[in-house]
Amino acid sequence: MEFSLPCSAAELKAFLKRLDTFLLEKALGWAKKIYKAILEQVDELLAKERSKELSIEHLRAVWYQSCLGPVRVRRRQYRNRVGKYRYLLDELMGMGKHCHVTSAVQELVLEMAAAMPYRRSAEVLRKTSAIDLAHQTIWRLVGRAADPYLEKAERELQWFLETGEIPEGESKRAARLLVEADGVMLSLQREKESKAEIKVGIAYEGWEKVGKDRYKTVNKMAYADVTDGDFFWAGMSLKLQGRYDLSRISDTVVGGDGAAWVKEGASYVNGRFQLDRYHLNRELCAALGHDGETYRKVWQACESGKTELGLQIMFEAMRKAKGKQAQRIARACHYLEENRSGLGDYRLTLGEEGKGLRRTGAIEGNVDKLVVRRMKNQGMSWTVRGIRRLLCVRFLILEGRLKEWLSQQNDRGLWINIPRKKIRRVVNQFSMQESDAWLKAGMPVLYGPHASRPWVKVLKDLAQGVSL
């Protein structure tokens, strides 16, 4: 271990304050050497085991972006009989032609990008780890992970729309399925329109109590896309069919704010529409204001399933009102009339069973968690492709499938027999040998002519593990 020795107490104090970062840099430097040596030795083994059809053309160096930081690795370039160039080491490491980033870094970067802006992700990674990537590189990594998944999903959706055939799924059975949907508007850039609506849907089987007056949804599934209502519900139905056998679910409730595309979803999943109480309450409060008596009458009528009575009360209040108040009540009357089928509480038809169920309304919080916190209210604007890419990555993380998907994408099927035992022997040899040398490293200053000086004694105590 080599470093410039402090010459005064002040310098020693400053050195000790940054001792952790100093040791980390040294450890990373050692680890990079081992990483480089192992990979270059593995490349030699691959050259010996390669197919006779591959000829060695060049020995080229490239920077691998790893958790240890950038490491320059020399590996062989091969050419097959048809003139195509390959790098066997890159293929073994799961790296693309213009993307020499390890799988561990890809996974970490994508999780960061799903939680915070790209520039902020690059900054946090730079300050907290050895990973130093530009925000444009992070943006490209999101695209490399999301584009193949989106293309696959679009092919499946198109096949479903053309043929009506549904891929085999889990065929899980459930007594009841609650589906909710809502939309959120995002600002666009470099698009014909200035705004785009992300349609978000969730499905769950019920609720589980997790604390006092706190519940969580059971077996929640989420879906989102930037598209029209028909394509959204087709995609949502396809995803639901991957888990459930919808034909065997006797009761499906579709909750929402009353938008036309939300209500249309009931026909796709063979369910019935339920107007969320949050939106019903908002409309009644906006229309009736401080008229609490009328509000209570209308609310109780809807809760008890007497929707016609509730509408009559509202129309009567509209006839008595004047000016802007009458206009607000008229808008509310039109809203209630449009959502007449969903005014009654769905639990009323279930008798005793309905008493143990809760109202719909979980979609509001999920829209905030899935979309708004990352993609809205931060001065951001998007392209439609950028929205779909980030949504794809966020949902892969939410469902715990990101690592599996990256593994599938990075596994390109190396066309040679990998010498596993020889590679394992190389890894053990280099890692154990170098780590032993690192542990046996000495500090000559502890035993030199300045061994009696106070600052040397402090270093000796630190080296021996004696607390100061």
Protein backbone atom coordinates (compact mmCIF):
# COMPACT_ATOMS: atom_id res chain seq x y z
CA MET A 1 0.00 0.00 0.00
CA GLU A 2 1.63 3.26 -1.11
CA PHE A 3 0.57 6.74 -0.05
CA SER A 4 2.11 10.06 0.96
CA LEU A 5 2.65 10.15 4.72
CA PRO A 6 1.09 12.97 6.78
CA CYS A 7 3.62 15.37 8.20
CA SER A 8 1.50 17.07 10.84
CA ALA A 9 -1.40 16.40 13.18
CA ALA A 10 -3.74 18.42 10.99
CA GLU A 11 -2.80 16.43 7.90
CA LEU A 12 -3.15 13.18 9.84
CA LYS A 13 -6.65 14.21 10.97
CA ALA A 14 -7.66 15.03 7.40
CA PHE A 15 -6.18 11.73 6.20
CA LEU A 16 -8.11 9.69 8.76
CA LYS A 17 -11.36 11.42 7.79
CA ARG A 18 -10.98 10.15 4.24
CA LEU A 19 -9.38 6.83 5.17
CA ASP A 20 -12.51 4.87 4.22
CA THR A 21 -12.58 6.30 0.70
CA PHE A 22 -8.81 5.76 0.38
CA LEU A 23 -9.13 2.09 1.32
CA LEU A 24 -12.14 1.68 -0.95
CA GLU A 25 -10.17 3.05 -3.91
CA LYS A 26 -7.31 0.67 -3.15
CA ALA A 27 -9.68 -2.28 -2.84
CA LEU A 28 -11.39 -1.37 -6.10
CA GLY A 29 -8.03 -1.03 -7.82
CA TRP A 30 -7.06 -4.52 -6.66
CA ALA A 31 -10.46 -5.92 -7.71
CA LYS A 32 -10.18 -4.38 -11.18
CA LYS A 33 -6.82 -6.07 -11.74
CA ILE A 34 -8.26 -9.43 -10.73
CA TYR A 35 -11.38 -8.89 -12.87
CA LYS A 36 -9.25 -7.98 -15.91
CA ALA A 37 -6.87 -10.91 -15.40
CA ILE A 38 -9.68 -13.45 -15.02
CA LEU A 39 -11.59 -12.28 -18.10
CA GLU A 40 -8.48 -12.20 -20.29
CA GLN A 41 -7.54 -15.68 -19.12
CA VAL A 42 -11.09 -16.88 -19.85
CA ASP A 43 -10.76 -15.38 -23.34
CA GLU A 44 -7.68 -17.52 -23.89
CA LEU A 45 -9.61 -20.63 -22.84
CA LEU A 46 -12.41 -19.75 -25.24
CA ALA A 47 -9.86 -19.37 -28.04
CA LYS A 48 -8.62 -22.92 -27.38
CA GLU A 49 -12.12 -24.38 -27.23
CA ARG A 50 -13.57 -22.47 -30.18
CA SER A 51 -15.03 -24.05 -33.27
CA LYS A 52 -12.69 -24.60 -36.20
CA GLU A 53 -14.99 -22.42 -38.28
CA LEU A 54 -13.87 -19.36 -36.30
CA SER A 55 -10.58 -17.70 -37.13
CA ILE A 56 -8.87 -15.18 -34.86
CA GLU A 57 -8.63 -11.79 -36.56
CA HIS A 58 -7.53 -9.27 -33.94
CA LEU A 59 -6.94 -8.72 -30.23
CA ARG A 60 -8.96 -5.64 -29.31
CA ALA A 61 -9.48 -3.81 -26.02
CA VAL A 62 -12.78 -2.41 -24.81
CA TRP A 63 -14.03 -0.78 -21.61
CA TYR A 64 -16.36 -3.02 -19.61
CA GLN A 65 -18.66 -1.01 -17.34
CA SER A 66 -18.80 -3.05 -14.15
CA CYS A 67 -19.73 -2.55 -10.49
CA LEU A 68 -16.00 -2.03 -9.91
CA GLY A 69 -15.97 0.84 -12.38
CA PRO A 70 -14.70 0.87 -15.98
CA VAL A 71 -12.21 -1.94 -16.70
CA ARG A 72 -10.27 -2.15 -19.97
CA VAL A 73 -10.27 -5.76 -21.18
CA ARG A 74 -8.40 -7.17 -24.19
CA ARG A 75 -10.31 -9.89 -25.98
CA ARG A 76 -10.12 -11.68 -29.33
CA GLN A 77 -12.16 -10.89 -32.39
CA TYR A 78 -13.23 -13.89 -34.49
CA ARG A 79 -14.54 -14.28 -38.01
CA ASN A 80 -16.69 -17.14 -39.24
CA ARG A 81 -16.87 -18.62 -42.74
CA VAL A 82 -19.51 -16.15 -43.96
CA GLY A 83 -17.45 -13.17 -42.84
CA LYS A 84 -19.37 -12.29 -39.69
CA TYR A 85 -17.29 -10.96 -36.78
CA ARG A 86 -17.83 -12.10 -33.21
CA TYR A 87 -16.37 -11.61 -29.74
CA LEU A 88 -16.87 -14.81 -27.77
CA LEU A 89 -16.02 -13.19 -24.43
CA ASP A 90 -18.62 -10.47 -25.00
CA GLU A 91 -21.22 -13.11 -25.83
CA LEU A 92 -20.31 -15.13 -22.75
CA MET A 93 -20.66 -11.99 -20.60
CA GLY A 94 -24.05 -11.21 -22.17
CA MET A 95 -22.96 -7.94 -23.76
CA GLY A 96 -24.18 -6.41 -26.97
CA LYS A 97 -22.21 -4.95 -29.84
CA HIS A 98 -22.31 -1.37 -28.55
CA CYS A 99 -23.24 -2.02 -24.92
CA HIS A 100 -20.42 -3.39 -22.77
CA VAL A 101 -22.24 -3.16 -19.44
CA THR A 102 -22.38 -6.09 -17.03
CA SER A 103 -25.71 -7.60 -16.04
CA ALA A 104 -25.35 -6.45 -12.43
CA VAL A 105 -24.82 -2.84 -13.53
CA GLN A 106 -27.75 -3.03 -15.94
CA GLU A 107 -30.08 -4.23 -13.20
CA LEU A 108 -28.94 -1.56 -10.73
CA VAL A 109 -29.10 1.23 -13.32
CA LEU A 110 -32.60 0.28 -14.46
CA GLU A 111 -33.90 0.21 -10.90
CA MET A 112 -32.43 3.67 -10.31
CA ALA A 113 -33.87 5.01 -13.58
CA ALA A 114 -37.30 3.64 -12.68
CA ALA A 115 -37.26 5.61 -9.43
CA MET A 116 -35.71 8.95 -10.39
CA PRO A 117 -34.83 11.07 -13.46
CA TYR A 118 -32.03 9.86 -15.68
CA ARG A 119 -29.67 12.73 -14.84
CA ARG A 120 -30.29 12.28 -11.13
CA SER A 121 -29.73 8.52 -11.45
CA ALA A 122 -26.34 9.08 -13.08
CA GLU A 123 -25.38 11.57 -10.39
CA VAL A 124 -26.40 9.31 -7.49
CA LEU A 125 -24.57 6.31 -8.98
CA ARG A 126 -21.45 8.39 -9.50
CA LYS A 127 -21.45 9.61 -5.89
CA THR A 128 -22.33 6.35 -4.18
CA SER A 129 -20.56 3.72 -6.29
CA ALA A 130 -17.80 3.19 -8.83
CA ILE A 131 -20.33 3.21 -11.68
CA ASP A 132 -19.89 6.25 -13.89
CA LEU A 133 -22.40 6.36 -16.74
CA ALA A 134 -23.80 9.32 -18.63
CA HIS A 135 -27.53 9.91 -18.39
CA GLN A 136 -27.80 9.26 -22.14
CA THR A 137 -26.29 5.81 -21.57
CA ILE A 138 -28.87 5.12 -18.87
CA TRP A 139 -31.60 6.21 -21.28
CA ARG A 140 -30.26 3.79 -23.90
CA LEU A 141 -30.12 0.94 -21.37
CA VAL A 142 -33.79 1.50 -20.59
CA GLY A 143 -34.55 1.26 -24.30
CA ARG A 144 -32.45 -1.89 -24.78
CA ALA A 145 -34.33 -3.61 -21.96
CA ALA A 146 -37.82 -2.36 -22.84
CA ASP A 147 -37.95 -2.46 -26.65
CA PRO A 148 -37.76 -6.27 -27.08
CA TYR A 149 -40.38 -6.72 -24.35
CA LEU A 150 -42.73 -4.17 -25.93
CA GLU A 151 -42.30 -5.76 -29.37
CA LYS A 152 -43.11 -9.17 -27.95
CA ALA A 153 -46.18 -7.80 -26.13
CA GLU A 154 -47.41 -6.05 -29.29
CA ARG A 155 -47.09 -9.25 -31.33
CA GLU A 156 -49.08 -11.18 -28.76
CA LEU A 157 -51.73 -8.46 -28.59
CA GLN A 158 -52.05 -8.27 -32.37
CA TRP A 159 -52.41 -12.04 -32.58
CA PHE A 160 -55.06 -11.95 -29.88
CA LEU A 161 -57.04 -9.24 -31.68
CA GLU A 162 -56.83 -11.02 -35.05
CA THR A 163 -57.53 -14.58 -33.95
CA GLY A 164 -59.06 -14.36 -30.48
CA GLU A 165 -56.61 -17.05 -29.33
CA ILE A 166 -55.30 -16.67 -25.79
CA PRO A 167 -51.86 -18.02 -24.77
CA GLU A 168 -51.82 -20.64 -22.05
CA GLY A 169 -51.73 -19.15 -18.56
CA GLU A 170 -51.96 -20.21 -14.95
CA SER A 171 -55.77 -20.61 -15.16
CA LYS A 172 -56.05 -19.58 -11.54
CA ARG A 173 -59.53 -19.50 -10.04
CA ALA A 174 -60.86 -16.72 -7.83
CA ALA A 175 -64.23 -16.15 -6.20
CA ARG A 176 -64.23 -12.50 -7.22
CA LEU A 177 -62.07 -10.12 -9.20
CA LEU A 178 -62.02 -6.36 -8.78
CA VAL A 179 -60.68 -4.35 -11.70
CA GLU A 180 -60.12 -0.60 -11.57
CA ALA A 181 -58.88 1.85 -14.18
CA ASP A 182 -58.02 5.53 -14.41
CA GLY A 183 -55.98 7.86 -16.57
CA VAL A 184 -53.31 10.50 -15.98
CA MET A 185 -52.13 13.17 -18.41
CA LEU A 186 -48.43 13.73 -19.15
CA SER A 187 -46.73 16.52 -21.11
CA LEU A 188 -45.19 15.57 -24.45
CA GLN A 189 -42.23 16.84 -26.44
CA ARG A 190 -41.40 16.32 -30.11
CA GLU A 191 -44.91 14.98 -30.71
CA LYS A 192 -47.91 16.34 -32.60
CA GLU A 193 -49.94 16.55 -29.39
CA SER A 194 -48.93 18.44 -26.27
CA LYS A 195 -50.48 15.93 -23.85
CA ALA A 196 -50.95 12.17 -23.68
CA GLU A 197 -53.07 10.08 -21.35
CA ILE A 198 -51.57 7.05 -19.66
CA LYS A 199 -54.29 4.55 -18.95
CA VAL A 200 -53.62 2.55 -15.78
CA GLY A 201 -55.48 -0.55 -14.64
CA ILE A 202 -55.19 -2.80 -11.60
CA ALA A 203 -56.86 -6.07 -10.69
CA TYR A 204 -57.00 -7.77 -7.29
CA GLU A 205 -58.97 -10.43 -5.45
CA GLY A 206 -59.79 -8.54 -2.26
CA TRP A 207 -58.17 -6.91 0.75
CA GLU A 208 -56.00 -7.95 3.65
CA LYS A 209 -55.85 -5.99 6.90
CA VAL A 210 -52.29 -4.91 7.76
CA GLY A 211 -52.96 -2.49 10.63
CA LYS A 212 -55.56 -0.33 12.28
CA ASP A 213 -57.76 0.99 9.48
CA ARG A 214 -55.10 -0.05 6.96
CA TYR A 215 -55.56 -2.61 4.21
CA LYS A 216 -53.65 -3.86 1.21
CA THR A 217 -54.93 -5.45 -1.97
CA VAL A 218 -54.48 -9.21 -2.41
CA ASN A 219 -52.65 -10.57 -5.49
CA LYS A 220 -52.62 -7.21 -7.23
CA MET A 221 -51.79 -7.06 -10.92
CA ALA A 222 -51.16 -3.80 -12.79
CA TYR A 223 -51.11 -2.75 -16.44
CA ALA A 224 -50.59 0.61 -18.18
CA ASP A 225 -50.14 1.92 -21.70
CA VAL A 226 -50.52 4.99 -23.91
CA THR A 227 -53.27 3.89 -26.27
CA ASP A 228 -57.00 4.04 -26.86
CA GLY A 229 -59.58 2.29 -24.73
CA ASP A 230 -60.07 -0.76 -26.96
CA PHE A 231 -56.36 -1.59 -27.16
CA PHE A 232 -55.92 -0.91 -23.45
CA TRP A 233 -58.65 -3.34 -22.42
CA ALA A 234 -57.44 -5.91 -24.92
CA GLY A 235 -53.98 -5.74 -23.35
CA MET A 236 -55.42 -5.76 -19.83
CA SER A 237 -57.61 -8.77 -20.65
CA LEU A 238 -54.66 -10.61 -22.17
CA LYS A 239 -52.61 -10.03 -19.04
CA LEU A 240 -55.46 -11.14 -16.78
CA GLN A 241 -55.93 -14.29 -18.86
CA GLY A 242 -52.28 -15.08 -18.24
CA ARG A 243 -53.11 -15.59 -14.56
CA TYR A 244 -56.85 -16.26 -14.34
CA ASP A 245 -59.48 -18.21 -16.19
CA LEU A 246 -61.88 -15.29 -16.59
CA SER A 247 -64.67 -17.56 -17.84
CA ARG A 248 -64.80 -19.22 -14.41
CA ILE A 249 -64.88 -16.04 -12.32
CA SER A 250 -68.53 -15.50 -11.47
CA ASP A 251 -68.30 -11.90 -10.24
CA THR A 252 -66.06 -9.20 -11.75
CA VAL A 253 -66.44 -5.57 -10.70
CA VAL A 254 -64.95 -2.77 -12.82
CA GLY A 255 -64.46 0.45 -10.87
CA GLY A 256 -63.58 3.88 -12.18
CA ASP A 257 -64.43 7.56 -12.47
CA GLY A 258 -67.14 7.15 -15.08
CA ALA A 259 -65.05 7.84 -18.20
CA ALA A 260 -66.49 6.12 -21.26
CA TRP A 261 -63.40 3.97 -21.86
CA VAL A 262 -63.46 2.76 -18.24
CA LYS A 263 -67.09 1.68 -18.43
CA GLU A 264 -66.42 -0.14 -21.70
CA GLY A 265 -63.98 -2.35 -19.83
CA ALA A 266 -66.83 -4.16 -18.10
CA SER A 267 -67.77 -5.85 -21.37
CA TYR A 268 -64.17 -7.00 -21.98
CA VAL A 269 -63.88 -8.80 -18.64
CA ASN A 270 -67.55 -9.83 -18.42
CA GLY A 271 -68.14 -7.64 -15.36
CA ARG A 272 -70.31 -4.85 -14.00
CA PHE A 273 -69.41 -1.20 -13.59
CA GLN A 274 -69.06 0.52 -10.21
CA LEU A 275 -68.62 4.28 -9.89
CA ASP A 276 -65.88 4.97 -7.37
CA ARG A 277 -67.15 6.69 -4.25
CA TYR A 278 -64.27 9.16 -4.37
CA HIS A 279 -65.51 10.57 -7.67
CA LEU A 280 -69.15 10.45 -6.60
CA ASN A 281 -68.33 12.39 -3.44
CA ARG A 282 -66.29 14.94 -5.41
CA GLU A 283 -69.12 15.62 -7.84
CA LEU A 284 -71.74 15.98 -5.12
CA CYS A 285 -69.57 18.30 -3.02
CA ALA A 286 -68.75 20.48 -6.05
CA ALA A 287 -72.43 20.77 -6.97
CA LEU A 288 -74.17 21.08 -3.60
CA GLY A 289 -71.53 23.01 -1.69
CA HIS A 290 -72.77 23.69 1.86
CA ASP A 291 -76.14 22.05 1.30
CA GLY A 292 -75.33 19.15 3.60
CA GLU A 293 -78.90 17.91 3.92
CA THR A 294 -79.36 17.38 0.18
CA TYR A 295 -75.90 15.83 -0.03
CA ARG A 296 -76.74 13.28 2.66
CA LYS A 297 -80.03 12.36 1.03
CA VAL A 298 -78.44 11.75 -2.37
CA TRP A 299 -75.50 9.85 -0.87
CA GLN A 300 -77.73 7.60 1.22
CA ALA A 301 -79.96 6.93 -1.77
CA CYS A 302 -76.96 5.79 -3.81
CA GLU A 303 -75.56 3.72 -0.93
CA SER A 304 -78.86 1.92 -0.46
CA GLY A 305 -79.30 1.23 -4.16
CA LYS A 306 -82.14 3.73 -4.67
CA THR A 307 -80.50 5.43 -7.61
CA GLU A 308 -83.76 6.77 -9.05
CA LEU A 309 -84.54 8.49 -5.78
CA GLY A 310 -81.08 10.06 -5.71
CA LEU A 311 -81.53 11.38 -9.23
CA GLN A 312 -84.95 12.82 -8.38
CA ILE A 313 -83.48 14.66 -5.38
CA MET A 314 -80.75 16.14 -7.56
CA PHE A 315 -83.17 17.25 -10.29
CA GLU A 316 -85.37 18.86 -7.64
CA ALA A 317 -82.37 20.72 -6.20
CA MET A 318 -81.46 21.91 -9.72
CA ARG A 319 -84.95 23.37 -10.25
CA LYS A 320 -84.73 25.31 -6.98
CA ALA A 321 -81.17 26.60 -7.57
CA LYS A 322 -80.27 29.75 -9.49
CA GLY A 323 -77.33 31.09 -11.45
CA LYS A 324 -73.99 29.29 -11.21
CA GLN A 325 -75.30 27.01 -8.49
CA ALA A 326 -77.92 25.68 -10.90
CA GLN A 327 -75.23 25.14 -13.56
CA ARG A 328 -73.04 23.14 -11.16
CA ILE A 329 -75.98 20.96 -10.09
CA ALA A 330 -76.95 20.47 -13.74
CA ARG A 331 -73.43 19.18 -14.51
CA ALA A 332 -73.64 16.85 -11.52
CA CYS A 333 -77.06 15.59 -12.66
CA HIS A 334 -75.66 14.85 -16.10
CA TYR A 335 -72.70 13.02 -14.48
CA LEU A 336 -74.99 10.88 -12.33
CA GLU A 337 -77.27 10.15 -15.27
CA GLU A 338 -74.32 9.04 -17.39
CA ASN A 339 -73.15 6.68 -14.62
CA ARG A 340 -76.57 5.47 -13.52
CA SER A 341 -75.53 1.81 -13.81
CA GLY A 342 -72.69 2.26 -11.34
CA LEU A 343 -74.31 4.46 -8.68
CA GLY A 344 -75.52 1.63 -6.45
CA ASP A 345 -73.00 -0.04 -4.15
CA TYR A 346 -72.00 -3.38 -5.70
CA ARG A 347 -72.01 -5.04 -2.28
CA LEU A 348 -75.78 -4.69 -1.94
CA THR A 349 -76.36 -7.58 -4.35
CA LEU A 350 -74.11 -9.91 -2.33
CA GLY A 351 -76.14 -10.01 0.86
CA GLU A 352 -74.20 -11.12 3.94
CA GLU A 353 -71.09 -11.76 1.87
CA GLY A 354 -70.95 -8.11 0.86
CA LYS A 355 -70.59 -6.94 4.47
CA GLY A 356 -67.02 -8.20 4.61
CA LEU A 357 -65.95 -6.37 1.45
CA ARG A 358 -64.67 -2.84 0.92
CA ARG A 359 -65.49 -0.21 -1.66
CA THR A 360 -63.45 0.18 -4.82
CA GLY A 361 -61.07 3.12 -4.99
CA ALA A 362 -57.56 1.64 -4.82
CA ILE A 363 -56.75 2.94 -8.30
CA GLU A 364 -56.14 6.52 -7.12
CA GLY A 365 -53.18 5.58 -4.94
CA ASN A 366 -51.82 3.19 -7.55
CA VAL A 367 -51.85 5.84 -10.28
CA ASP A 368 -49.80 8.02 -7.98
CA LYS A 369 -47.29 5.27 -7.13
CA LEU A 370 -46.99 3.76 -10.61
CA VAL A 371 -46.90 6.90 -12.74
CA VAL A 372 -47.22 10.29 -11.09
CA ARG A 373 -44.31 10.15 -8.63
CA ARG A 374 -41.78 9.31 -11.33
CA MET A 375 -43.19 10.86 -14.48
CA LYS A 376 -45.22 13.93 -13.53
CA ASN A 377 -44.98 17.21 -11.59
CA GLN A 378 -41.20 17.53 -11.99
CA GLY A 379 -41.14 19.71 -15.07
CA MET A 380 -40.81 16.64 -17.28
CA SER A 381 -41.99 16.12 -20.82
CA TRP A 382 -41.85 12.88 -22.76
CA THR A 383 -42.12 11.20 -26.10
CA VAL A 384 -44.72 8.45 -26.36
CA ARG A 385 -41.94 5.92 -26.92
CA GLY A 386 -40.12 7.16 -23.82
CA ILE A 387 -43.28 6.79 -21.72
CA ARG A 388 -43.89 3.23 -22.87
CA ARG A 389 -40.26 2.25 -22.31
CA LEU A 390 -40.15 3.53 -18.74
CA LEU A 391 -43.55 2.06 -17.91
CA CYS A 392 -42.29 -1.30 -19.17
CA VAL A 393 -39.21 -1.21 -16.92
CA ARG A 394 -41.18 -0.01 -13.90
CA PHE A 395 -43.69 -2.83 -14.24
CA LEU A 396 -40.95 -5.43 -14.71
CA ILE A 397 -39.48 -4.25 -11.42
CA LEU A 398 -42.87 -4.14 -9.72
CA GLU A 399 -43.57 -7.73 -10.74
CA GLY A 400 -40.09 -8.93 -9.78
CA ARG A 401 -39.27 -10.06 -13.34
CA LEU A 402 -36.52 -7.62 -14.32
CA LYS A 403 -33.60 -9.92 -13.50
CA GLU A 404 -35.20 -12.83 -15.32
CA TRP A 405 -35.92 -10.71 -18.40
CA LEU A 406 -32.38 -9.30 -18.53
CA SER A 407 -31.01 -12.82 -18.23
CA GLN A 408 -33.11 -13.93 -21.20
CA GLN A 409 -31.94 -10.97 -23.28
CA ASN A 410 -28.28 -11.36 -22.36
CA ASP A 411 -28.18 -15.11 -22.98
CA ARG A 412 -27.34 -15.24 -26.66
CA GLY A 413 -26.58 -18.97 -26.79
CA LEU A 414 -22.81 -19.23 -27.09
CA TRP A 415 -22.01 -21.69 -29.88
CA ILE A 416 -19.11 -23.45 -28.17
CA ASN A 417 -18.62 -25.82 -25.27
CA ILE A 418 -17.66 -23.64 -22.32
CA PRO A 419 -14.79 -25.23 -20.33
CA ARG A 420 -16.50 -24.83 -16.97
CA LYS A 421 -13.92 -26.63 -14.84
CA LYS A 422 -11.02 -24.71 -16.39
CA ILE A 423 -12.80 -21.39 -15.95
CA ARG A 424 -13.62 -22.22 -12.34
CA ARG A 425 -9.96 -23.08 -11.75
CA VAL A 426 -8.85 -19.73 -13.22
CA VAL A 427 -11.28 -17.78 -11.05
CA ASN A 428 -10.17 -19.57 -7.88
CA GLN A 429 -6.49 -19.21 -8.72
CA PHE A 430 -6.52 -15.49 -9.35
CA SER A 431 -8.95 -14.45 -6.62
CA MET A 432 -7.35 -16.51 -3.83
CA GLN A 433 -3.78 -15.70 -4.79
CA GLU A 434 -4.28 -11.96 -5.01
CA SER A 435 -6.45 -11.72 -1.90
CA ASP A 436 -3.73 -13.52 0.08
CA ALA A 437 -1.11 -11.08 -1.16
CA TRP A 438 -3.36 -8.16 -0.26
CA LEU A 439 -3.85 -9.42 3.29
CA LYS A 440 -0.10 -9.91 3.78
CA ALA A 441 0.80 -6.41 2.63
CA GLY A 442 2.98 -4.53 5.07
CA MET A 443 3.54 -0.91 6.11
CA PRO A 444 7.32 -0.30 6.31
CA VAL A 445 6.80 3.06 7.97
CA LEU A 446 5.68 1.28 11.15
CA TYR A 447 9.15 -0.14 11.64
CA GLY A 448 11.36 2.53 10.03
CA PRO A 449 13.37 5.38 11.53
CA HIS A 450 10.18 7.34 12.37
CA ALA A 451 8.52 4.51 14.31
CA SER A 452 8.58 6.49 17.56
CA ARG A 453 6.73 9.51 16.21
CA PRO A 454 3.13 10.04 17.49
CA TRP A 455 1.44 9.84 14.10
CA VAL A 456 3.24 6.55 13.34
CA LYS A 457 2.04 5.13 16.65
CA VAL A 458 -1.51 6.05 15.70
CA LEU A 459 -1.18 4.20 12.39
CA LYS A 460 0.33 1.21 14.21
CA ASP A 461 -2.66 1.10 16.59
CA LEU A 462 -5.03 1.27 13.61
CA ALA A 463 -3.18 -1.54 11.83
CA GLN A 464 -3.29 -3.74 14.91
CA GLY A 465 -6.98 -3.07 15.54
CA VAL A 466 -6.46 -1.21 18.86
CA SER A 467 -9.19 1.34 19.56
CA LEU A 468 -8.01 4.89 20.22
